[in-house]
């Protein structure tokens, strides 16, 4: 989770073509977002 949410370091991302940022509000077919799952698990850190 930490790795995916990290801001890409300026300059580095362009080389790898991985500049696409992860969508923290992505929802699955049930409309579940990462925050829904984190709340369900009760994981305060996440």
ModelCIF file with pLDDT and N, C-alpha, C, O atoms, coordinates in Angstrom:
data_MODEL
#
_entry.id   MODEL 
#
_entity.id                         1 
_entity.type                       polymer 
_entity.pdbx_number_of_molecules   1 
#
_entity_poly.entity_id                      1 
_entity_poly.type                           'polypeptide(L)' 
_entity_poly.nstd_linkage                   no 
_entity_poly.nstd_monomer                   no 
_entity_poly.pdbx_seq_one_letter_code       
;(UNK)(UNK)(UNK)(UNK)(UNK)(UNK)(UNK)(UNK)(UNK)(UNK)(UNK)(UNK)(UNK)(UNK)(UNK)(UNK)
(UNK)(UNK)(UNK)(UNK)(UNK)(UNK)(UNK)(UNK)(UNK)(UNK)(UNK)(UNK)(UNK)(UNK)(UNK)(UNK)
(UNK)(UNK)(UNK)(UNK)(UNK)(UNK)(UNK)(UNK)(UNK)(UNK)(UNK)(UNK)(UNK)(UNK)
;
_entity_poly.pdbx_seq_one_letter_code_can   XXXXXXXXXXXXXXXXXXXXXXXXXXXXXXXXXXXXXXXXXXXXXX 
_entity_poly.pdbx_strand_id                 A 
#
loop_
_entity_poly_seq.entity_id 
_entity_poly_seq.num 
_entity_poly_seq.mon_id 
_entity_poly_seq.hetero 
1 1  UNK n 
1 2  UNK n 
1 3  UNK n 
1 4  UNK n 
1 5  UNK n 
1 6  UNK n 
1 7  UNK n 
1 8  UNK n 
1 9  UNK n 
1 10 UNK n 
1 11 UNK n 
1 12 UNK n 
1 13 UNK n 
1 14 UNK n 
1 15 UNK n 
1 16 UNK n 
1 17 UNK n 
1 18 UNK n 
1 19 UNK n 
1 20 UNK n 
1 21 UNK n 
1 22 UNK n 
1 23 UNK n 
1 24 UNK n 
1 25 UNK n 
1 26 UNK n 
1 27 UNK n 
1 28 UNK n 
1 29 UNK n 
1 30 UNK n 
1 31 UNK n 
1 32 UNK n 
1 33 UNK n 
1 34 UNK n 
1 35 UNK n 
1 36 UNK n 
1 37 UNK n 
1 38 UNK n 
1 39 UNK n 
1 40 UNK n 
1 41 UNK n 
1 42 UNK n 
1 43 UNK n 
1 44 UNK n 
1 45 UNK n 
1 46 UNK n 
#
_struct_asym.id          A 
_struct_asym.entity_id   1 
#
loop_
_ma_qa_metric.id 
_ma_qa_metric.mode 
_ma_qa_metric.name 
_ma_qa_metric.software_group_id 
_ma_qa_metric.type 
1 global pLDDT . pLDDT 
2 local  pLDDT . pLDDT 
#
_ma_qa_metric_global.metric_id      1 
_ma_qa_metric_global.metric_value   83.50 
_ma_qa_metric_global.model_id       1 
_ma_qa_metric_global.ordinal_id     1 
#
loop_
_ma_qa_metric_local.label_asym_id 
_ma_qa_metric_local.label_comp_id 
_ma_qa_metric_local.label_seq_id 
_ma_qa_metric_local.metric_id 
_ma_qa_metric_local.metric_value 
_ma_qa_metric_local.model_id 
_ma_qa_metric_local.ordinal_id 
A UNK 1  2 96.00 1 1  
A UNK 2  2 95.00 1 2  
A UNK 3  2 95.00 1 3  
A UNK 4  2 94.00 1 4  
A UNK 5  2 93.00 1 5  
A UNK 6  2 89.00 1 6  
A UNK 7  2 70.00 1 7  
A UNK 8  2 64.00 1 8  
A UNK 9  2 62.00 1 9  
A UNK 10 2 59.00 1 10 
A UNK 11 2 55.00 1 11 
A UNK 12 2 52.00 1 12 
A UNK 13 2 49.00 1 13 
A UNK 14 2 52.00 1 14 
A UNK 15 2 49.00 1 15 
A UNK 16 2 50.00 1 16 
A UNK 17 2 49.00 1 17 
A UNK 18 2 52.00 1 18 
A UNK 19 2 55.00 1 19 
A UNK 20 2 70.00 1 20 
A UNK 21 2 85.00 1 21 
A UNK 22 2 93.00 1 22 
A UNK 23 2 96.00 1 23 
A UNK 24 2 96.00 1 24 
A UNK 25 2 97.00 1 25 
A UNK 26 2 97.00 1 26 
A UNK 27 2 97.00 1 27 
A UNK 28 2 96.00 1 28 
A UNK 29 2 95.00 1 29 
A UNK 30 2 96.00 1 30 
A UNK 31 2 97.00 1 31 
A UNK 32 2 97.00 1 32 
A UNK 33 2 98.00 1 33 
A UNK 34 2 98.00 1 34 
A UNK 35 2 98.00 1 35 
A UNK 36 2 97.00 1 36 
A UNK 37 2 97.00 1 37 
A UNK 38 2 97.00 1 38 
A UNK 39 2 96.00 1 39 
A UNK 40 2 94.00 1 40 
A UNK 41 2 95.00 1 41 
A UNK 42 2 94.00 1 42 
A UNK 43 2 95.00 1 43 
A UNK 44 2 96.00 1 44 
A UNK 45 2 97.00 1 45 
A UNK 46 2 97.00 1 46 
#
loop_
_atom_site.group_PDB 
_atom_site.id 
_atom_site.type_symbol 
_atom_site.label_atom_id 
_atom_site.label_alt_id 
_atom_site.label_comp_id 
_atom_site.label_asym_id 
_atom_site.label_entity_id 
_atom_site.label_seq_id 
_atom_site.pdbx_PDB_ins_code 
_atom_site.Cartn_x 
_atom_site.Cartn_y 
_atom_site.Cartn_z 
_atom_site.occupancy 
_atom_site.B_iso_or_equiv 
_atom_site.pdbx_formal_charge 
_atom_site.auth_seq_id 
_atom_site.auth_comp_id 
_atom_site.auth_asym_id 
_atom_site.auth_atom_id 
_atom_site.pdbx_PDB_model_num 
ATOM 1   N N  . UNK A 1 1  ? 0.846   -1.197 0.000   1.00 96.00 ? 1  UNK A N  1 
ATOM 2   C CA . UNK A 1 1  ? 0.000   0.000  0.000   1.00 96.00 ? 1  UNK A CA 1 
ATOM 3   C C  . UNK A 1 1  ? 0.880   1.245  0.000   1.00 96.00 ? 1  UNK A C  1 
ATOM 4   O O  . UNK A 1 1  ? 0.657   2.172  -0.778  1.00 96.00 ? 1  UNK A O  1 
ATOM 5   N N  . UNK A 1 2  ? 1.879   1.257  0.879   1.00 95.00 ? 2  UNK A N  1 
ATOM 6   C CA . UNK A 1 2  ? 2.794   2.410  0.945   1.00 95.00 ? 2  UNK A CA 1 
ATOM 7   C C  . UNK A 1 2  ? 3.496   2.620  -0.387  1.00 95.00 ? 2  UNK A C  1 
ATOM 8   O O  . UNK A 1 2  ? 3.592   3.741  -0.886  1.00 95.00 ? 2  UNK A O  1 
ATOM 9   N N  . UNK A 1 3  ? 3.990   1.509  -0.961  1.00 95.00 ? 3  UNK A N  1 
ATOM 10  C CA . UNK A 1 3  ? 4.734   1.584  -2.215  1.00 95.00 ? 3  UNK A CA 1 
ATOM 11  C C  . UNK A 1 3  ? 3.856   2.164  -3.331  1.00 95.00 ? 3  UNK A C  1 
ATOM 12  O O  . UNK A 1 3  ? 4.292   3.025  -4.095  1.00 95.00 ? 3  UNK A O  1 
ATOM 13  N N  . UNK A 1 4  ? 2.618   1.678  -3.411  1.00 94.00 ? 4  UNK A N  1 
ATOM 14  C CA . UNK A 1 4  ? 1.719   2.126  -4.479  1.00 94.00 ? 4  UNK A CA 1 
ATOM 15  C C  . UNK A 1 4  ? 1.281   3.577  -4.307  1.00 94.00 ? 4  UNK A C  1 
ATOM 16  O O  . UNK A 1 4  ? 1.021   4.273  -5.289  1.00 94.00 ? 4  UNK A O  1 
ATOM 17  N N  . UNK A 1 5  ? 1.199   4.034  -3.054  1.00 93.00 ? 5  UNK A N  1 
ATOM 18  C CA . UNK A 1 5  ? 0.728   5.401  -2.816  1.00 93.00 ? 5  UNK A CA 1 
ATOM 19  C C  . UNK A 1 5  ? 1.849   6.436  -2.844  1.00 93.00 ? 5  UNK A C  1 
ATOM 20  O O  . UNK A 1 5  ? 1.587   7.638  -2.811  1.00 93.00 ? 5  UNK A O  1 
ATOM 21  N N  . UNK A 1 6  ? 3.098   5.971  -2.904  1.00 89.00 ? 6  UNK A N  1 
ATOM 22  C CA . UNK A 1 6  ? 4.227   6.915  -2.929  1.00 89.00 ? 6  UNK A CA 1 
ATOM 23  C C  . UNK A 1 6  ? 4.197   7.789  -4.167  1.00 89.00 ? 6  UNK A C  1 
ATOM 24  O O  . UNK A 1 6  ? 3.882   7.350  -5.273  1.00 89.00 ? 6  UNK A O  1 
ATOM 25  N N  . UNK A 1 7  ? 4.538   9.047  -3.930  1.00 70.00 ? 7  UNK A N  1 
ATOM 26  C CA . UNK A 1 7  ? 4.671   9.983  -5.066  1.00 70.00 ? 7  UNK A CA 1 
ATOM 27  C C  . UNK A 1 7  ? 5.923   9.582  -5.849  1.00 70.00 ? 7  UNK A C  1 
ATOM 28  O O  . UNK A 1 7  ? 6.985   9.384  -5.257  1.00 70.00 ? 7  UNK A O  1 
ATOM 29  N N  . UNK A 1 8  ? 5.807   9.462  -7.177  1.00 64.00 ? 8  UNK A N  1 
ATOM 30  C CA . UNK A 1 8  ? 7.023   9.148  -7.945  1.00 64.00 ? 8  UNK A CA 1 
ATOM 31  C C  . UNK A 1 8  ? 8.020   10.310 -7.829  1.00 64.00 ? 8  UNK A C  1 
ATOM 32  O O  . UNK A 1 8  ? 7.622   11.475 -7.860  1.00 64.00 ? 8  UNK A O  1 
ATOM 33  N N  . UNK A 1 9  ? 9.300   9.995  -7.698  1.00 62.00 ? 9  UNK A N  1 
ATOM 34  C CA . UNK A 1 9  ? 10.318  11.051 -7.580  1.00 62.00 ? 9  UNK A CA 1 
ATOM 35  C C  . UNK A 1 9  ? 10.406  11.786 -8.905  1.00 62.00 ? 9  UNK A C  1 
ATOM 36  O O  . UNK A 1 9  ? 10.452  11.153 -9.960  1.00 62.00 ? 9  UNK A O  1 
ATOM 37  N N  . UNK A 1 10 ? 10.429  13.121 -8.868  1.00 59.00 ? 10 UNK A N  1 
ATOM 38  C CA . UNK A 1 10 ? 10.481  13.872 -10.131 1.00 59.00 ? 10 UNK A CA 1 
ATOM 39  C C  . UNK A 1 10 ? 11.712  13.450 -10.945 1.00 59.00 ? 10 UNK A C  1 
ATOM 40  O O  . UNK A 1 10 ? 12.808  13.296 -10.407 1.00 59.00 ? 10 UNK A O  1 
ATOM 41  N N  . UNK A 1 11 ? 11.501  13.269 -12.242 1.00 55.00 ? 11 UNK A N  1 
ATOM 42  C CA . UNK A 1 11 ? 12.619  12.907 -13.108 1.00 55.00 ? 11 UNK A CA 1 
ATOM 43  C C  . UNK A 1 11 ? 12.738  11.409 -13.336 1.00 55.00 ? 11 UNK A C  1 
ATOM 44  O O  . UNK A 1 11 ? 12.980  10.967 -14.459 1.00 55.00 ? 11 UNK A O  1 
ATOM 45  N N  . UNK A 1 12 ? 12.570  10.631 -12.287 1.00 52.00 ? 12 UNK A N  1 
ATOM 46  C CA . UNK A 1 12 ? 12.752  9.187  -12.407 1.00 52.00 ? 12 UNK A CA 1 
ATOM 47  C C  . UNK A 1 12 ? 11.596  8.508  -13.145 1.00 52.00 ? 12 UNK A C  1 
ATOM 48  O O  . UNK A 1 12 ? 11.807  7.624  -13.976 1.00 52.00 ? 12 UNK A O  1 
ATOM 49  N N  . UNK A 1 13 ? 10.391  8.931  -12.831 1.00 49.00 ? 13 UNK A N  1 
ATOM 50  C CA . UNK A 1 13 ? 9.205   8.262  -13.367 1.00 49.00 ? 13 UNK A CA 1 
ATOM 51  C C  . UNK A 1 13 ? 9.173   8.278  -14.894 1.00 49.00 ? 13 UNK A C  1 
ATOM 52  O O  . UNK A 1 13 ? 8.774   7.295  -15.519 1.00 49.00 ? 13 UNK A O  1 
ATOM 53  N N  . UNK A 1 14 ? 9.591   9.387  -15.491 1.00 52.00 ? 14 UNK A N  1 
ATOM 54  C CA . UNK A 1 14 ? 9.500   9.526  -16.955 1.00 52.00 ? 14 UNK A CA 1 
ATOM 55  C C  . UNK A 1 14 ? 10.307  8.447  -17.669 1.00 52.00 ? 14 UNK A C  1 
ATOM 56  O O  . UNK A 1 14 ? 9.875   7.933  -18.701 1.00 52.00 ? 14 UNK A O  1 
ATOM 57  N N  . UNK A 1 15 ? 11.463  8.102  -17.135 1.00 49.00 ? 15 UNK A N  1 
ATOM 58  C CA . UNK A 1 15 ? 12.315  7.102  -17.771 1.00 49.00 ? 15 UNK A CA 1 
ATOM 59  C C  . UNK A 1 15 ? 11.629  5.748  -17.867 1.00 49.00 ? 15 UNK A C  1 
ATOM 60  O O  . UNK A 1 15 ? 11.697  5.065  -18.888 1.00 49.00 ? 15 UNK A O  1 
ATOM 61  N N  . UNK A 1 16 ? 10.963  5.378  -16.772 1.00 50.00 ? 16 UNK A N  1 
ATOM 62  C CA . UNK A 1 16 ? 10.344  4.050  -16.729 1.00 50.00 ? 16 UNK A CA 1 
ATOM 63  C C  . UNK A 1 16 ? 8.971   4.023  -17.377 1.00 50.00 ? 16 UNK A C  1 
ATOM 64  O O  . UNK A 1 16 ? 8.412   2.954  -17.620 1.00 50.00 ? 16 UNK A O  1 
ATOM 65  N N  . UNK A 1 17 ? 8.435   5.190  -17.651 1.00 49.00 ? 17 UNK A N  1 
ATOM 66  C CA . UNK A 1 17 ? 7.095   5.257  -18.234 1.00 49.00 ? 17 UNK A CA 1 
ATOM 67  C C  . UNK A 1 17 ? 6.029   4.866  -17.228 1.00 49.00 ? 17 UNK A C  1 
ATOM 68  O O  . UNK A 1 17 ? 4.917   4.500  -17.609 1.00 49.00 ? 17 UNK A O  1 
ATOM 69  N N  . UNK A 1 18 ? 6.363   4.942  -15.930 1.00 52.00 ? 18 UNK A N  1 
ATOM 70  C CA . UNK A 1 18 ? 5.387   4.544  -14.916 1.00 52.00 ? 18 UNK A CA 1 
ATOM 71  C C  . UNK A 1 18 ? 4.796   5.773  -14.229 1.00 52.00 ? 18 UNK A C  1 
ATOM 72  O O  . UNK A 1 18 ? 4.454   5.740  -13.047 1.00 52.00 ? 18 UNK A O  1 
ATOM 73  N N  . UNK A 1 19 ? 4.684   6.843  -14.987 1.00 55.00 ? 19 UNK A N  1 
ATOM 74  C CA . UNK A 1 19 ? 4.209   8.095  -14.388 1.00 55.00 ? 19 UNK A CA 1 
ATOM 75  C C  . UNK A 1 19 ? 2.727   8.014  -14.010 1.00 55.00 ? 19 UNK A C  1 
ATOM 76  O O  . UNK A 1 19 ? 2.220   8.877  -13.292 1.00 55.00 ? 19 UNK A O  1 
ATOM 77  N N  . UNK A 1 20 ? 2.037   6.981  -14.492 1.00 70.00 ? 20 UNK A N  1 
ATOM 78  C CA . UNK A 1 20 ? 0.614   6.847  -14.182 1.00 70.00 ? 20 UNK A CA 1 
ATOM 79  C C  . UNK A 1 20 ? 0.450   6.636  -12.686 1.00 70.00 ? 20 UNK A C  1 
ATOM 80  O O  . UNK A 1 20 ? 0.938   5.665  -12.108 1.00 70.00 ? 20 UNK A O  1 
ATOM 81  N N  . UNK A 1 21 ? -0.265  7.592  -12.076 1.00 85.00 ? 21 UNK A N  1 
ATOM 82  C CA . UNK A 1 21 ? -0.463  7.507  -10.634 1.00 85.00 ? 21 UNK A CA 1 
ATOM 83  C C  . UNK A 1 21 ? -1.602  6.546  -10.327 1.00 85.00 ? 21 UNK A C  1 
ATOM 84  O O  . UNK A 1 21 ? -2.542  6.402  -11.108 1.00 85.00 ? 21 UNK A O  1 
ATOM 85  N N  . UNK A 1 22 ? -1.502  5.899  -9.190  1.00 93.00 ? 22 UNK A N  1 
ATOM 86  C CA . UNK A 1 22 ? -2.549  4.973  -8.781  1.00 93.00 ? 22 UNK A CA 1 
ATOM 87  C C  . UNK A 1 22 ? -3.784  5.781  -8.369  1.00 93.00 ? 22 UNK A C  1 
ATOM 88  O O  . UNK A 1 22 ? -3.660  6.840  -7.753  1.00 93.00 ? 22 UNK A O  1 
ATOM 89  N N  . UNK A 1 23 ? -4.967  5.281  -8.710  1.00 96.00 ? 23 UNK A N  1 
ATOM 90  C CA . UNK A 1 23 ? -6.221  5.962  -8.349  1.00 96.00 ? 23 UNK A CA 1 
ATOM 91  C C  . UNK A 1 23 ? -6.670  5.473  -6.982  1.00 96.00 ? 23 UNK A C  1 
ATOM 92  O O  . UNK A 1 23 ? -7.172  4.358  -6.839  1.00 96.00 ? 23 UNK A O  1 
ATOM 93  N N  . UNK A 1 24 ? -6.479  6.334  -5.969  1.00 96.00 ? 24 UNK A N  1 
ATOM 94  C CA . UNK A 1 24 ? -6.784  5.946  -4.586  1.00 96.00 ? 24 UNK A CA 1 
ATOM 95  C C  . UNK A 1 24 ? -8.292  5.750  -4.382  1.00 96.00 ? 24 UNK A C  1 
ATOM 96  O O  . UNK A 1 24 ? -8.714  5.102  -3.424  1.00 96.00 ? 24 UNK A O  1 
ATOM 97  N N  . UNK A 1 25 ? -9.102  6.316  -5.289  1.00 97.00 ? 25 UNK A N  1 
ATOM 98  C CA . UNK A 1 25 ? -10.557 6.184  -5.179  1.00 97.00 ? 25 UNK A CA 1 
ATOM 99  C C  . UNK A 1 25 ? -11.150 5.197  -6.184  1.00 97.00 ? 25 UNK A C  1 
ATOM 100 O O  . UNK A 1 25 ? -12.342 5.241  -6.487  1.00 97.00 ? 25 UNK A O  1 
ATOM 101 N N  . UNK A 1 26 ? -10.299 4.310  -6.694  1.00 97.00 ? 26 UNK A N  1 
ATOM 102 C CA . UNK A 1 26 ? -10.761 3.272  -7.625  1.00 97.00 ? 26 UNK A CA 1 
ATOM 103 C C  . UNK A 1 26 ? -11.836 2.424  -6.942  1.00 97.00 ? 26 UNK A C  1 
ATOM 104 O O  . UNK A 1 26 ? -11.696 2.058  -5.775  1.00 97.00 ? 26 UNK A O  1 
ATOM 105 N N  . UNK A 1 27 ? -12.917 2.113  -7.678  1.00 97.00 ? 27 UNK A N  1 
ATOM 106 C CA . UNK A 1 27 ? -13.983 1.281  -7.113  1.00 97.00 ? 27 UNK A CA 1 
ATOM 107 C C  . UNK A 1 27 ? -14.195 0.029  -7.951  1.00 97.00 ? 27 UNK A C  1 
ATOM 108 O O  . UNK A 1 27 ? -14.185 0.083  -9.181  1.00 97.00 ? 27 UNK A O  1 
ATOM 109 N N  . UNK A 1 28 ? -14.390 -1.113 -7.265  1.00 96.00 ? 28 UNK A N  1 
ATOM 110 C CA . UNK A 1 28 ? -14.658 -2.358 -7.988  1.00 96.00 ? 28 UNK A CA 1 
ATOM 111 C C  . UNK A 1 28 ? -16.133 -2.397 -8.410  1.00 96.00 ? 28 UNK A C  1 
ATOM 112 O O  . UNK A 1 28 ? -16.848 -1.407 -8.253  1.00 96.00 ? 28 UNK A O  1 
ATOM 113 N N  . UNK A 1 29 ? -16.581 -3.518 -8.935  1.00 95.00 ? 29 UNK A N  1 
ATOM 114 C CA . UNK A 1 29 ? -17.941 -3.593 -9.478  1.00 95.00 ? 29 UNK A CA 1 
ATOM 115 C C  . UNK A 1 29 ? -19.013 -3.397 -8.405  1.00 95.00 ? 29 UNK A C  1 
ATOM 116 O O  . UNK A 1 29 ? -20.138 -3.013 -8.722  1.00 95.00 ? 29 UNK A O  1 
ATOM 117 N N  . UNK A 1 30 ? -18.673 -3.659 -7.124  1.00 96.00 ? 30 UNK A N  1 
ATOM 118 C CA . UNK A 1 30 ? -19.631 -3.427 -6.037  1.00 96.00 ? 30 UNK A CA 1 
ATOM 119 C C  . UNK A 1 30 ? -19.537 -1.997 -5.507  1.00 96.00 ? 30 UNK A C  1 
ATOM 120 O O  . UNK A 1 30 ? -20.261 -1.611 -4.590  1.00 96.00 ? 30 UNK A O  1 
ATOM 121 N N  . UNK A 1 31 ? -18.627 -1.217 -6.104  1.00 97.00 ? 31 UNK A N  1 
ATOM 122 C CA . UNK A 1 31 ? -18.454 0.160  -5.650  1.00 97.00 ? 31 UNK A CA 1 
ATOM 123 C C  . UNK A 1 31 ? -17.533 0.244  -4.446  1.00 97.00 ? 31 UNK A C  1 
ATOM 124 O O  . UNK A 1 31 ? -17.451 1.284  -3.794  1.00 97.00 ? 31 UNK A O  1 
ATOM 125 N N  . UNK A 1 32 ? -16.835 -0.858 -4.147  1.00 97.00 ? 32 UNK A N  1 
ATOM 126 C CA . UNK A 1 32 ? -15.918 -0.865 -3.013  1.00 97.00 ? 32 UNK A CA 1 
ATOM 127 C C  . UNK A 1 32 ? -14.612 -0.182 -3.384  1.00 97.00 ? 32 UNK A C  1 
ATOM 128 O O  . UNK A 1 32 ? -13.972 -0.541 -4.373  1.00 97.00 ? 32 UNK A O  1 
ATOM 129 N N  . UNK A 1 33 ? -14.224 0.794  -2.595  1.00 98.00 ? 33 UNK A N  1 
ATOM 130 C CA . UNK A 1 33 ? -12.951 1.490  -2.790  1.00 98.00 ? 33 UNK A CA 1 
ATOM 131 C C  . UNK A 1 33 ? -11.949 0.942  -1.779  1.00 98.00 ? 33 UNK A C  1 
ATOM 132 O O  . UNK A 1 33 ? -12.337 0.226  -0.856  1.00 98.00 ? 33 UNK A O  1 
ATOM 133 N N  . UNK A 1 34 ? -10.654 1.271  -1.941  1.00 98.00 ? 34 UNK A N  1 
ATOM 134 C CA . UNK A 1 34 ? -9.685  0.841  -0.931  1.00 98.00 ? 34 UNK A CA 1 
ATOM 135 C C  . UNK A 1 34 ? -10.106 1.273  0.486   1.00 98.00 ? 34 UNK A C  1 
ATOM 136 O O  . UNK A 1 34 ? -9.914  0.527  1.446   1.00 98.00 ? 34 UNK A O  1 
ATOM 137 N N  . UNK A 1 35 ? -10.680 2.483  0.608   1.00 98.00 ? 35 UNK A N  1 
ATOM 138 C CA . UNK A 1 35 ? -11.078 2.975  1.929   1.00 98.00 ? 35 UNK A CA 1 
ATOM 139 C C  . UNK A 1 35 ? -12.204 2.131  2.540   1.00 98.00 ? 35 UNK A C  1 
ATOM 140 O O  . UNK A 1 35 ? -12.237 1.933  3.754   1.00 98.00 ? 35 UNK A O  1 
ATOM 141 N N  . UNK A 1 36 ? -13.122 1.636  1.706   1.00 97.00 ? 36 UNK A N  1 
ATOM 142 C CA . UNK A 1 36 ? -14.175 0.739  2.201   1.00 97.00 ? 36 UNK A CA 1 
ATOM 143 C C  . UNK A 1 36 ? -13.534 -0.515 2.823   1.00 97.00 ? 36 UNK A C  1 
ATOM 144 O O  . UNK A 1 36 ? -13.891 -0.929 3.927   1.00 97.00 ? 36 UNK A O  1 
ATOM 145 N N  . UNK A 1 37 ? -12.584 -1.104 2.089   1.00 97.00 ? 37 UNK A N  1 
ATOM 146 C CA . UNK A 1 37 ? -11.922 -2.323 2.574   1.00 97.00 ? 37 UNK A CA 1 
ATOM 147 C C  . UNK A 1 37 ? -11.137 -2.045 3.856   1.00 97.00 ? 37 UNK A C  1 
ATOM 148 O O  . UNK A 1 37 ? -11.163 -2.844 4.791   1.00 97.00 ? 37 UNK A O  1 
ATOM 149 N N  . UNK A 1 38 ? -10.442 -0.912 3.893   1.00 97.00 ? 38 UNK A N  1 
ATOM 150 C CA . UNK A 1 38 ? -9.649  -0.570 5.079   1.00 97.00 ? 38 UNK A CA 1 
ATOM 151 C C  . UNK A 1 38 ? -10.560 -0.384 6.292   1.00 97.00 ? 38 UNK A C  1 
ATOM 152 O O  . UNK A 1 38 ? -10.212 -0.791 7.400   1.00 97.00 ? 38 UNK A O  1 
ATOM 153 N N  . UNK A 1 39 ? -11.731 0.233  6.079   1.00 96.00 ? 39 UNK A N  1 
ATOM 154 C CA . UNK A 1 39 ? -12.682 0.457  7.175   1.00 96.00 ? 39 UNK A CA 1 
ATOM 155 C C  . UNK A 1 39 ? -13.262 -0.871 7.658   1.00 96.00 ? 39 UNK A C  1 
ATOM 156 O O  . UNK A 1 39 ? -13.460 -1.080 8.855   1.00 96.00 ? 39 UNK A O  1 
ATOM 157 N N  . UNK A 1 40 ? -13.527 -1.759 6.708   1.00 94.00 ? 40 UNK A N  1 
ATOM 158 C CA . UNK A 1 40 ? -14.082 -3.073 7.034   1.00 94.00 ? 40 UNK A CA 1 
ATOM 159 C C  . UNK A 1 40 ? -13.071 -3.883 7.859   1.00 94.00 ? 40 UNK A C  1 
ATOM 160 O O  . UNK A 1 40 ? -13.440 -4.582 8.803   1.00 94.00 ? 40 UNK A O  1 
ATOM 161 N N  . UNK A 1 41 ? -11.796 -3.773 7.484   1.00 95.00 ? 41 UNK A N  1 
ATOM 162 C CA . UNK A 1 41 ? -10.736 -4.468 8.229   1.00 95.00 ? 41 UNK A CA 1 
ATOM 163 C C  . UNK A 1 41 ? -10.414 -3.758 9.536   1.00 95.00 ? 41 UNK A C  1 
ATOM 164 O O  . UNK A 1 41 ? -9.850  -4.354 10.454  1.00 95.00 ? 41 UNK A O  1 
ATOM 165 N N  . UNK A 1 42 ? -10.778 -2.473 9.614   1.00 94.00 ? 42 UNK A N  1 
ATOM 166 C CA . UNK A 1 42 ? -10.477 -1.694 10.811  1.00 94.00 ? 42 UNK A CA 1 
ATOM 167 C C  . UNK A 1 42 ? -9.000  -1.382 10.949  1.00 94.00 ? 42 UNK A C  1 
ATOM 168 O O  . UNK A 1 42 ? -8.507  -1.191 12.060  1.00 94.00 ? 42 UNK A O  1 
ATOM 169 N N  . UNK A 1 43 ? -8.279  -1.327 9.818   1.00 95.00 ? 43 UNK A N  1 
ATOM 170 C CA . UNK A 1 43 ? -6.842  -1.075 9.866   1.00 95.00 ? 43 UNK A CA 1 
ATOM 171 C C  . UNK A 1 43 ? -6.558  0.427  9.841   1.00 95.00 ? 43 UNK A C  1 
ATOM 172 O O  . UNK A 1 43 ? -6.615  1.068  8.792   1.00 95.00 ? 43 UNK A O  1 
ATOM 173 N N  . UNK A 1 44 ? -6.249  0.975  11.026  1.00 96.00 ? 44 UNK A N  1 
ATOM 174 C CA . UNK A 1 44 ? -6.059  2.416  11.182  1.00 96.00 ? 44 UNK A CA 1 
ATOM 175 C C  . UNK A 1 44 ? -4.892  2.939  10.346  1.00 96.00 ? 44 UNK A C  1 
ATOM 176 O O  . UNK A 1 44 ? -4.975  4.021  9.765   1.00 96.00 ? 44 UNK A O  1 
ATOM 177 N N  . UNK A 1 45 ? -3.796  2.162  10.287  1.00 97.00 ? 45 UNK A N  1 
ATOM 178 C CA . UNK A 1 45 ? -2.629  2.607  9.513   1.00 97.00 ? 45 UNK A CA 1 
ATOM 179 C C  . UNK A 1 45 ? -2.985  2.763  8.040   1.00 97.00 ? 45 UNK A C  1 
ATOM 180 O O  . UNK A 1 45 ? -2.640  3.764  7.412   1.00 97.00 ? 45 UNK A O  1 
ATOM 181 N N  . UNK A 1 46 ? -3.674  1.770  7.498   1.00 97.00 ? 46 UNK A N  1 
ATOM 182 C CA . UNK A 1 46 ? -4.047  1.810  6.081   1.00 97.00 ? 46 UNK A CA 1 
ATOM 183 C C  . UNK A 1 46 ? -5.043  2.947  5.836   1.00 97.00 ? 46 UNK A C  1 
ATOM 184 O O  . UNK A 1 46 ? -5.482  3.151  4.704   1.00 97.00 ? 46 UNK A O  1 
#
